[in-house]
């Protein structure tokens, strides 16, 4: 039954309002990143558009300009923090390497495990799947101490490889369960037909089944990338010189105040790699999110 004009108008207005409500924090975050210090800490109330935009916050966090130099340029103090470094270019590089590396490693291992769970007979399979799921229930703080000692003995502390491995560890349970559901949606008759024609199990998996679930792989990769990009606790405990974006932002909170301008500039910049990654896989992403939603 077709909706009336009033009902469609109400639906559209409601949808627009909800989008505005949920995107306003992102808008305010980006707006604050181009505000001068005086506009961010205005004692008379929030400053919306009555300010002179500046890229000084980006010059410090992404350009390597010293905060002291900005203070000298402005003829006064700039920011609330002390003399710690706010240059975050290496932070972005480290975060991209760790997130992309852990995503690729997770998806590779999860594809193999999910296909095996989907296709091959196994005693106690449901119990094993539940055990995999239970690993995701465990909070990272429960495993951070044993992992810390293990990585110390393996000389993996404060290394990109160590972070890639630990992010892979926490993402694999979810990736396996997601990909298994996608493999389950591919009829087993496809595998049997390929092997009857002479293909091996590996050829069937790599050349036939895997391309059929590339949408699901894209959706899983996006989730793994976001989880790795935003992971904080393990990155904090396992690294000192290497700092991912969430860990770096915490250093902008000093004993003398919080550098909100630098925080918003780095946070706005940190959105871009995830956005670019999603753009690269968007062709398969919608298909992956809807795969299995309809049954013939």
Protein backbone atom coordinates (compact mmCIF):
# COMPACT_ATOMS: atom_id res chain seq x y z
CA UNK A 1 0.00 0.00 0.00
CA UNK A 2 1.42 3.36 -1.09
CA UNK A 3 1.97 5.93 1.63
CA UNK A 4 0.27 9.30 1.53
CA UNK A 5 2.18 12.50 0.74
CA UNK A 6 2.00 13.60 4.39
CA UNK A 7 3.36 10.25 5.60
CA UNK A 8 6.25 10.32 3.10
CA UNK A 9 7.07 13.92 4.04
CA UNK A 10 7.06 13.08 7.74
CA UNK A 11 9.29 10.05 7.08
CA UNK A 12 11.78 12.08 5.05
CA UNK A 13 11.93 14.92 7.59
CA UNK A 14 12.43 12.42 10.42
CA UNK A 15 15.23 10.71 8.51
CA UNK A 16 16.98 14.02 7.81
CA UNK A 17 16.71 15.08 11.46
CA UNK A 18 18.16 11.76 12.64
CA UNK A 19 21.07 12.09 10.23
CA UNK A 20 21.73 15.62 11.46
CA UNK A 21 21.63 14.52 15.09
CA UNK A 22 24.07 11.65 14.56
CA UNK A 23 26.48 13.60 12.31
CA UNK A 24 26.52 16.79 14.38
CA UNK A 25 29.31 15.52 16.71
CA UNK A 26 31.49 14.83 13.66
CA UNK A 27 30.68 18.28 12.27
CA UNK A 28 31.50 19.94 15.60
CA UNK A 29 34.73 17.94 15.84
CA UNK A 30 35.84 19.13 12.41
CA UNK A 31 34.72 22.71 13.11
CA UNK A 32 36.70 22.81 16.35
CA UNK A 33 39.83 21.69 14.51
CA UNK A 34 39.94 24.97 12.56
CA UNK A 35 39.12 27.21 15.51
CA UNK A 36 41.79 29.35 17.17
CA UNK A 37 42.56 28.75 20.81
CA UNK A 38 40.47 31.73 21.91
CA UNK A 39 37.36 30.40 20.15
CA UNK A 40 37.66 26.91 21.64
CA UNK A 41 38.01 28.21 25.20
CA UNK A 42 35.64 31.16 24.92
CA UNK A 43 34.33 31.94 28.42
CA UNK A 44 31.13 33.57 27.11
CA UNK A 45 29.77 30.38 25.55
CA UNK A 46 30.17 28.13 22.51
CA UNK A 47 31.48 29.78 19.35
CA UNK A 48 29.84 28.42 16.22
CA UNK A 49 30.88 30.47 13.17
CA UNK A 50 31.99 33.80 14.62
CA UNK A 51 35.72 33.16 14.38
CA UNK A 52 38.58 33.42 11.93
CA UNK A 53 39.37 29.89 10.62
CA UNK A 54 42.96 28.76 11.07
CA UNK A 55 45.00 25.71 10.14
CA UNK A 56 47.41 26.13 13.04
CA UNK A 57 46.15 22.99 14.75
CA UNK A 58 46.88 20.97 11.60
CA UNK A 59 50.24 22.69 11.20
CA UNK A 60 51.25 21.41 14.63
CA UNK A 61 49.83 17.88 14.45
CA UNK A 62 50.33 17.09 10.75
CA UNK A 63 52.96 19.63 9.69
CA UNK A 64 55.47 19.25 12.49
CA UNK A 65 55.39 22.93 13.43
CA UNK A 66 56.37 23.59 17.04
CA UNK A 67 53.68 24.85 19.38
CA UNK A 68 56.21 27.33 20.72
CA UNK A 69 56.65 28.76 17.21
CA UNK A 70 52.91 29.33 16.97
CA UNK A 71 52.97 31.07 20.34
CA UNK A 72 55.71 33.39 19.09
CA UNK A 73 53.79 34.07 15.86
CA UNK A 74 50.63 34.95 17.76
CA UNK A 75 52.51 37.08 20.28
CA UNK A 76 51.32 35.12 23.31
CA UNK A 77 50.62 31.63 24.59
CA UNK A 78 49.19 28.94 22.37
CA UNK A 79 47.49 25.99 23.97
CA UNK A 80 47.31 24.67 27.47
CA UNK A 81 49.88 21.89 27.49
CA UNK A 82 53.54 21.75 28.22
CA UNK A 83 56.50 21.13 25.93
CA UNK A 84 55.57 17.62 24.77
CA UNK A 85 55.65 16.84 21.07
CA UNK A 86 52.41 17.08 19.12
CA UNK A 87 53.79 16.02 15.73
CA UNK A 88 51.52 13.10 14.73
CA UNK A 89 52.70 12.25 11.23
CA UNK A 90 54.53 9.12 12.36
CA UNK A 91 51.48 8.17 14.42
CA UNK A 92 49.29 8.12 11.31
CA UNK A 93 51.88 6.03 9.45
CA UNK A 94 52.17 3.53 12.31
CA UNK A 95 48.39 3.27 12.67
CA UNK A 96 47.89 2.67 8.93
CA UNK A 97 50.58 -0.04 8.83
CA UNK A 98 49.18 -1.82 11.88
CA UNK A 99 45.54 -1.58 10.80
CA UNK A 100 46.15 -2.66 7.19
CA UNK A 101 48.55 -5.43 8.22
CA UNK A 102 46.27 -6.87 10.89
CA UNK A 103 43.25 -6.63 8.58
CA UNK A 104 45.02 -8.50 5.78
CA UNK A 105 46.36 -11.17 8.15
CA UNK A 106 43.00 -11.57 9.88
CA UNK A 107 41.02 -11.91 6.66
CA UNK A 108 43.52 -14.42 5.24
CA UNK A 109 43.41 -16.69 8.29
CA UNK A 110 39.67 -16.24 8.81
CA UNK A 111 38.88 -17.21 5.21
CA UNK A 112 40.70 -20.51 5.60
CA UNK A 113 39.16 -21.28 8.97
CA UNK A 114 35.64 -20.20 7.98
CA UNK A 115 35.69 -22.28 4.78
CA UNK A 116 36.84 -25.33 6.72
CA UNK A 117 34.08 -24.88 9.32
CA UNK A 118 31.49 -24.35 6.60
CA UNK A 119 32.41 -27.28 4.35
CA UNK A 120 34.25 -29.99 6.23
CA UNK A 121 32.65 -32.41 8.72
CA UNK A 122 33.94 -32.09 12.25
CA UNK A 123 32.91 -33.64 15.55
CA UNK A 124 31.70 -31.09 18.05
CA UNK A 125 31.65 -28.33 15.45
CA UNK A 126 28.94 -26.29 17.19
CA UNK A 127 30.83 -26.43 20.48
CA UNK A 128 33.99 -25.29 18.70
CA UNK A 129 32.13 -22.41 17.04
CA UNK A 130 30.75 -21.36 20.41
CA UNK A 131 34.28 -21.48 21.84
CA UNK A 132 35.45 -19.17 19.04
CA UNK A 133 32.61 -16.78 19.81
CA UNK A 134 33.44 -16.85 23.52
CA UNK A 135 36.92 -15.49 22.78
CA UNK A 136 35.30 -12.26 21.64
CA UNK A 137 33.44 -11.98 24.94
CA UNK A 138 36.71 -11.79 26.86
CA UNK A 139 37.72 -8.18 27.64
CA UNK A 140 41.24 -7.21 26.49
CA UNK A 141 42.23 -6.22 30.02
CA UNK A 142 41.91 -9.89 31.04
CA UNK A 143 44.69 -10.96 28.65
CA UNK A 144 46.93 -7.91 28.53
CA UNK A 145 49.27 -9.07 31.34
CA UNK A 146 50.01 -12.57 29.97
CA UNK A 147 50.39 -11.14 26.46
CA UNK A 148 52.79 -8.54 27.84
CA UNK A 149 55.05 -11.24 29.30
CA UNK A 150 54.80 -13.41 26.18
CA UNK A 151 55.71 -10.51 23.90
CA UNK A 152 58.59 -9.56 26.19
CA UNK A 153 60.06 -13.08 25.91
CA UNK A 154 59.53 -13.06 22.13
CA UNK A 155 61.03 -9.57 21.73
CA UNK A 156 57.80 -8.29 20.21
CA UNK A 157 57.20 -5.43 22.63
CA UNK A 158 57.09 -1.95 21.09
CA UNK A 159 57.02 -3.28 17.52
CA UNK A 160 54.59 -3.00 14.64
CA UNK A 161 54.67 -6.77 14.13
CA UNK A 162 53.63 -7.27 17.74
CA UNK A 163 50.67 -4.92 17.37
CA UNK A 164 49.65 -6.55 14.10
CA UNK A 165 49.66 -9.98 15.76
CA UNK A 166 47.69 -8.88 18.82
CA UNK A 167 45.10 -7.01 16.73
CA UNK A 168 44.77 -10.09 14.56
CA UNK A 169 44.22 -12.14 17.71
CA UNK A 170 41.32 -10.02 18.90
CA UNK A 171 39.69 -9.73 15.45
CA UNK A 172 39.87 -13.35 14.31
CA UNK A 173 36.84 -14.67 16.30
CA UNK A 174 34.44 -12.16 14.79
CA UNK A 175 35.96 -12.48 11.32
CA UNK A 176 35.66 -16.28 11.35
CA UNK A 177 32.02 -16.21 12.40
CA UNK A 178 31.10 -13.57 9.83
CA UNK A 179 32.87 -15.29 6.97
CA UNK A 180 31.44 -18.68 7.92
CA UNK A 181 27.94 -17.27 7.50
CA UNK A 182 28.90 -15.98 4.05
CA UNK A 183 30.41 -19.32 3.01
CA UNK A 184 27.28 -21.10 4.29
CA UNK A 185 25.22 -19.06 1.81
CA UNK A 186 27.15 -20.60 -1.10
CA UNK A 187 25.56 -23.98 -1.94
CA UNK A 188 27.79 -26.99 -1.39
CA UNK A 189 26.70 -28.21 -4.81
CA UNK A 190 29.09 -25.63 -6.28
CA UNK A 191 32.06 -27.31 -4.57
CA UNK A 192 30.92 -30.77 -5.60
CA UNK A 193 30.44 -29.73 -9.22
CA UNK A 194 33.94 -28.22 -9.36
CA UNK A 195 35.59 -31.30 -7.85
CA UNK A 196 33.66 -33.60 -10.19
CA UNK A 197 35.17 -31.60 -13.06
CA UNK A 198 38.65 -32.29 -11.67
CA UNK A 199 39.36 -29.30 -9.45
CA UNK A 200 41.06 -29.84 -6.13
CA UNK A 201 39.62 -28.56 -2.86
CA UNK A 202 42.11 -25.68 -2.85
CA UNK A 203 41.33 -24.74 -6.47
CA UNK A 204 37.62 -24.82 -5.70
CA UNK A 205 38.11 -22.56 -2.71
CA UNK A 206 40.45 -20.09 -4.38
CA UNK A 207 38.99 -19.86 -7.89
CA UNK A 208 35.27 -20.43 -7.37
CA UNK A 209 33.99 -20.01 -3.82
CA UNK A 210 36.20 -17.13 -2.73
CA UNK A 211 35.13 -14.79 -5.57
CA UNK A 212 31.50 -15.54 -4.75
CA UNK A 213 31.88 -14.18 -1.19
CA UNK A 214 34.10 -11.19 -1.96
CA UNK A 215 31.31 -8.91 -0.75
CA UNK A 216 31.37 -10.62 2.64
CA UNK A 217 35.16 -10.41 2.70
CA UNK A 218 34.95 -6.66 2.06
CA UNK A 219 32.44 -6.17 4.88
CA UNK A 220 34.58 -8.22 7.26
CA UNK A 221 37.72 -6.32 6.26
CA UNK A 222 36.04 -2.98 6.99
CA UNK A 223 35.03 -4.11 10.48
CA UNK A 224 38.51 -5.51 11.22
CA UNK A 225 40.15 -2.30 10.00
CA UNK A 226 37.92 -0.11 12.18
CA UNK A 227 38.45 -2.31 15.25
CA UNK A 228 42.21 -2.20 14.77
CA UNK A 229 42.23 1.53 14.00
CA UNK A 230 40.35 2.39 17.20
CA UNK A 231 41.92 -0.18 19.56
CA UNK A 232 43.43 1.53 22.59
CA UNK A 233 44.19 -0.69 25.60
CA UNK A 234 46.54 -3.26 24.07
CA UNK A 235 48.33 -0.60 22.03
CA UNK A 236 48.88 1.40 25.21
CA UNK A 237 50.38 -1.49 27.17
CA UNK A 238 52.46 -3.10 24.43
CA UNK A 239 54.14 -0.04 22.93
CA UNK A 240 56.10 2.99 24.09
CA UNK A 241 57.81 4.63 21.10
CA UNK A 242 55.17 3.40 18.64
CA UNK A 243 51.88 5.16 19.27
CA UNK A 244 48.66 4.58 17.41
CA UNK A 245 46.13 7.38 17.06
CA UNK A 246 44.06 6.61 20.21
CA UNK A 247 47.22 6.37 22.33
CA UNK A 248 48.72 9.54 20.82
CA UNK A 249 45.59 11.54 21.59
CA UNK A 250 45.91 10.74 25.29
CA UNK A 251 49.29 12.52 25.35
CA UNK A 252 47.52 15.76 24.45
CA UNK A 253 45.96 15.74 27.93
CA UNK A 254 48.63 17.27 30.15
CA UNK A 255 48.90 18.35 33.75
CA UNK A 256 48.18 21.96 32.76
CA UNK A 257 45.20 21.36 30.51
CA UNK A 258 43.79 19.63 27.45
CA UNK A 259 44.85 20.60 23.93
CA UNK A 260 41.40 20.36 22.33
CA UNK A 261 42.52 22.06 19.13
CA UNK A 262 45.26 19.51 18.51
CA UNK A 263 43.01 16.63 19.57
CA UNK A 264 40.27 17.60 17.11
CA UNK A 265 42.80 18.15 14.32
CA UNK A 266 44.35 14.71 14.79
CA UNK A 267 40.93 13.10 15.23
CA UNK A 268 39.62 14.68 12.02
CA UNK A 269 42.71 13.55 10.13
CA UNK A 270 42.35 10.03 11.58
CA UNK A 271 38.91 9.73 9.98
CA UNK A 272 40.37 9.95 6.47
CA UNK A 273 42.26 6.58 6.27
CA UNK A 274 39.16 4.66 7.39
CA UNK A 275 37.04 6.65 4.92
CA UNK A 276 39.48 5.94 2.09
CA UNK A 277 39.58 2.23 2.96
CA UNK A 278 35.78 2.03 2.87
CA UNK A 279 35.74 3.81 -0.51
CA UNK A 280 38.15 1.23 -1.92
CA UNK A 281 35.87 -1.68 -1.01
CA UNK A 282 32.49 0.02 -1.34
CA UNK A 283 31.77 -1.78 -4.61
CA UNK A 284 31.59 -5.06 -2.69
CA UNK A 285 30.52 -3.68 0.69
CA UNK A 286 26.77 -3.34 0.05
CA UNK A 287 26.61 -6.86 -1.39
CA UNK A 288 28.51 -8.17 1.64
CA UNK A 289 26.17 -6.50 4.12
CA UNK A 290 23.08 -7.94 2.40
CA UNK A 291 24.47 -11.38 1.53
CA UNK A 292 22.32 -14.04 3.08
CA UNK A 293 19.45 -11.69 3.94
CA UNK A 294 17.24 -13.24 1.26
CA UNK A 295 16.60 -16.93 0.77
CA UNK A 296 15.21 -18.46 -2.37
